Amino acid sequence: MKRQFAVIGLGIFGSTVAKTLGQLGETVIAIDEDEAKVNAIKDFVAYAKQANATDPLSLREAGVANCDTAIIATGNSSAIIITLVLAEMGVKKIIAKADDEIHGMALQKVGATKVVFPEQDSGIRLANQLVSSEILEYIEISKEYSVQELAVPRGLIGKTLMQLDFRKKYNVSIIAIKRKDEIIVVPS
């Protein structure tokens, strides 16, 4: 069964989420108060509406109550009200963009099932890439775990994974090897 998504707030983050979901074939309802932002997204989504997203009636009229997932991309104090309204409507999965930790805590208290911090996540990823020229990509899974794509240092070229013994020496698990366009999944 096809899922339905609502994206509320069409700034850079929200419009990127809405466009990408639309390009992936998902049904997307996009909402923003700014008519120009609504017009810019309308060709990429199933339905785009100019509305005050803190108004429950506007959200119901747009069909948001029927969505499986709502993404609140406003990242300001109105996100708290919108989250509360969506939770009261019974939207099962509410993902909200937070400006900081306190904002994130408030969003969770009123019903967000997941809180994201896109600016912080991008900053962490960039800082980790800058620290080491070998880090090509960095995704933090938790404070203790991350997934990293690394360029192979010259000293390791030609050696087998058994010889390098990353798990024992560095407590690192190699999950895949990328050679040109081929990805080889490494068994544990």
Protein backbone atom coordinates (compact mmCIF):
# COMPACT_ATOMS: atom_id res chain seq x y z
CA MET A 1 0.00 0.00 0.00
CA LYS A 2 1.32 3.44 -0.95
CA ARG A 3 2.20 5.72 1.93
CA GLN A 4 1.11 9.33 2.26
CA PHE A 5 3.40 12.04 3.57
CA ALA A 6 2.69 15.59 4.67
CA VAL A 7 5.55 18.08 4.58
CA ILE A 8 4.79 21.24 6.51
CA GLY A 9 7.20 24.12 6.00
CA LEU A 10 8.80 24.50 2.58
CA GLY A 11 12.11 26.15 3.29
CA ILE A 12 15.26 24.50 1.94
CA PHE A 13 14.95 21.44 4.21
CA GLY A 14 11.20 20.91 3.79
CA SER A 15 11.14 21.48 0.04
CA THR A 16 14.08 19.10 -0.41
CA VAL A 17 12.27 16.40 1.59
CA ALA A 18 9.01 16.97 -0.32
CA LYS A 19 10.67 16.97 -3.76
CA THR A 20 12.74 13.88 -3.01
CA LEU A 21 9.73 11.94 -1.70
CA GLY A 22 7.76 12.98 -4.78
CA GLN A 23 10.59 11.90 -7.09
CA LEU A 24 10.67 8.56 -5.28
CA GLY A 25 7.02 8.05 -6.23
CA GLU A 26 5.48 8.76 -2.84
CA THR A 27 2.26 10.73 -2.33
CA VAL A 28 3.12 14.08 -0.76
CA ILE A 29 0.96 16.89 0.60
CA ALA A 30 3.07 20.06 0.90
CA ILE A 31 1.96 22.99 3.05
CA ASP A 32 3.41 26.43 3.70
CA GLU A 33 2.09 29.92 4.43
CA ASP A 34 4.23 31.40 1.64
CA GLU A 35 2.43 31.22 -1.71
CA ALA A 36 5.71 31.44 -3.67
CA LYS A 37 7.07 28.36 -1.88
CA VAL A 38 3.83 26.46 -2.52
CA ASN A 39 3.93 27.38 -6.21
CA ALA A 40 7.58 26.31 -6.47
CA ILE A 41 6.82 22.80 -5.14
CA LYS A 42 3.43 22.06 -6.72
CA ASP A 43 4.85 20.24 -9.78
CA PHE A 44 6.79 17.80 -7.57
CA VAL A 45 4.06 16.71 -5.15
CA ALA A 46 0.53 15.31 -5.27
CA TYR A 47 -1.00 18.35 -3.55
CA ALA A 48 0.37 21.72 -2.46
CA LYS A 49 -1.58 24.12 -0.25
CA GLN A 50 -1.00 27.58 1.10
CA ALA A 51 -2.21 27.48 4.69
CA ASN A 52 -1.54 28.36 8.29
CA ALA A 53 -0.34 24.98 9.54
CA THR A 54 -1.20 25.81 13.15
CA ASP A 55 -4.88 25.78 12.14
CA PRO A 56 -6.33 22.26 12.58
CA LEU A 57 -9.13 22.91 10.08
CA SER A 58 -6.64 23.87 7.33
CA LEU A 59 -4.64 20.69 7.97
CA ARG A 60 -7.78 18.52 7.89
CA GLU A 61 -8.97 20.16 4.66
CA ALA A 62 -5.57 19.40 3.10
CA GLY A 63 -5.91 15.73 4.05
CA VAL A 64 -3.08 15.67 6.56
CA ALA A 65 -5.10 13.57 9.03
CA ASN A 66 -4.97 10.72 6.48
CA CYS A 67 -1.18 10.77 6.18
CA ASP A 68 1.00 8.00 7.57
CA THR A 69 3.87 10.38 8.25
CA ALA A 70 4.13 14.13 8.72
CA ILE A 71 7.39 16.03 8.50
CA ILE A 72 7.35 19.37 10.26
CA ALA A 73 10.13 21.39 8.68
CA THR A 74 9.33 24.81 10.11
CA GLY A 75 12.01 24.62 12.79
CA ASN A 76 10.50 27.40 14.91
CA SER A 77 8.09 27.68 17.82
CA SER A 78 5.07 27.07 15.56
CA ALA A 79 6.45 23.54 15.08
CA ILE A 80 5.40 22.78 18.66
CA ILE A 81 1.78 23.78 17.97
CA ILE A 82 1.75 21.92 14.64
CA THR A 83 3.14 18.78 16.30
CA LEU A 84 0.47 18.92 18.99
CA VAL A 85 -2.29 19.39 16.37
CA LEU A 86 -1.02 16.44 14.30
CA ALA A 87 -0.73 14.20 17.37
CA GLU A 88 -4.32 15.09 18.33
CA MET A 89 -5.41 14.22 14.77
CA GLY A 90 -3.87 10.78 15.16
CA VAL A 91 -1.00 11.04 12.68
CA LYS A 92 1.11 8.01 13.64
CA LYS A 93 4.60 9.18 12.68
CA ILE A 94 5.54 12.81 13.26
CA ILE A 95 9.07 13.88 12.38
CA ALA A 96 9.92 17.41 13.48
CA LYS A 97 12.89 19.64 12.72
CA ALA A 98 14.29 21.26 15.85
CA ASP A 99 16.47 24.33 16.23
CA ASP A 100 18.19 23.13 19.41
CA GLU A 101 17.99 20.53 22.20
CA ILE A 102 15.33 22.37 24.24
CA HIS A 103 13.15 22.81 21.16
CA GLY A 104 13.64 19.10 20.42
CA MET A 105 12.58 18.12 23.94
CA ALA A 106 9.43 20.25 23.65
CA LEU A 107 8.59 18.66 20.28
CA GLN A 108 8.91 15.17 21.78
CA LYS A 109 6.75 16.11 24.77
CA VAL A 110 3.88 17.21 22.50
CA GLY A 111 3.98 14.18 20.21
CA ALA A 112 6.94 14.11 17.80
CA THR A 113 7.98 10.48 17.27
CA LYS A 114 11.34 11.60 15.87
CA VAL A 115 13.22 14.89 16.11
CA VAL A 116 15.88 15.83 13.57
CA PHE A 117 18.60 18.46 13.73
CA PRO A 118 19.68 18.92 10.08
CA GLU A 119 22.04 21.84 10.70
CA GLN A 120 23.79 20.04 13.56
CA ASP A 121 23.97 16.79 11.57
CA SER A 122 25.53 18.59 8.60
CA GLY A 123 28.00 20.37 10.86
CA ILE A 124 29.09 17.11 12.52
CA ARG A 125 29.46 15.40 9.14
CA LEU A 126 31.53 18.26 7.71
CA ALA A 127 33.76 18.58 10.79
CA ASN A 128 34.52 14.85 10.73
CA GLN A 129 35.37 15.03 7.03
CA LEU A 130 37.67 18.02 7.62
CA VAL A 131 39.57 16.34 10.46
CA SER A 132 40.78 13.53 8.26
CA SER A 133 41.46 13.74 4.54
CA GLU A 134 40.63 10.02 4.35
CA ILE A 135 37.00 10.51 5.47
CA LEU A 136 34.85 10.85 2.35
CA GLU A 137 31.47 10.45 4.04
CA TYR A 138 30.39 10.35 7.68
CA ILE A 139 27.03 9.33 9.15
CA GLU A 140 26.59 9.34 12.92
CA ILE A 141 24.36 6.48 14.07
CA SER A 142 24.70 7.32 17.77
CA LYS A 143 27.29 8.92 20.05
CA GLU A 144 29.23 5.62 20.04
CA TYR A 145 28.69 4.44 16.45
CA SER A 146 29.13 5.90 12.99
CA VAL A 147 29.36 4.73 9.41
CA GLN A 148 32.27 6.20 7.48
CA GLU A 149 33.43 5.98 3.91
CA LEU A 150 37.21 6.25 3.91
CA ALA A 151 39.85 6.56 1.24
CA VAL A 152 42.34 3.74 1.72
CA PRO A 153 45.68 5.04 3.04
CA ARG A 154 48.64 4.02 0.84
CA GLY A 155 50.13 1.86 3.60
CA LEU A 156 47.09 -0.43 3.57
CA ILE A 157 46.86 -1.01 -0.18
CA GLY A 158 47.58 -4.61 -1.16
CA LYS A 159 46.85 -6.04 2.30
CA THR A 160 43.92 -8.32 3.09
CA LEU A 161 41.30 -7.53 5.72
CA MET A 162 42.55 -10.56 7.66
CA GLN A 163 46.06 -9.09 7.75
CA LEU A 164 44.80 -5.69 8.84
CA ASP A 165 42.51 -7.14 11.57
CA PHE A 166 40.63 -3.86 12.08
CA ARG A 167 38.11 -5.32 14.49
CA LYS A 168 40.73 -6.53 16.96
CA LYS A 169 43.19 -3.64 16.61
CA TYR A 170 40.77 -0.69 16.37
CA ASN A 171 37.33 -2.07 17.31
CA VAL A 172 36.20 -1.20 13.77
CA SER A 173 34.00 -3.34 11.54
CA ILE A 174 34.41 -3.09 7.77
CA ILE A 175 30.94 -3.47 6.27
CA ALA A 176 31.72 -2.95 2.59
CA ILE A 177 34.48 -2.24 0.10
CA LYS A 178 33.92 0.10 -2.82
CA ARG A 179 35.98 -0.39 -5.97
CA LYS A 180 35.10 2.12 -8.68
CA ASP A 181 31.34 1.54 -9.13
CA GLU A 182 31.25 -1.90 -7.47
CA ILE A 183 30.34 -2.40 -3.81
CA ILE A 184 31.41 -5.62 -2.12
CA VAL A 185 29.56 -6.37 1.12
CA VAL A 186 31.95 -7.85 3.66
CA PRO A 187 30.58 -10.67 5.82
CA SER A 188 31.34 -10.50 9.55
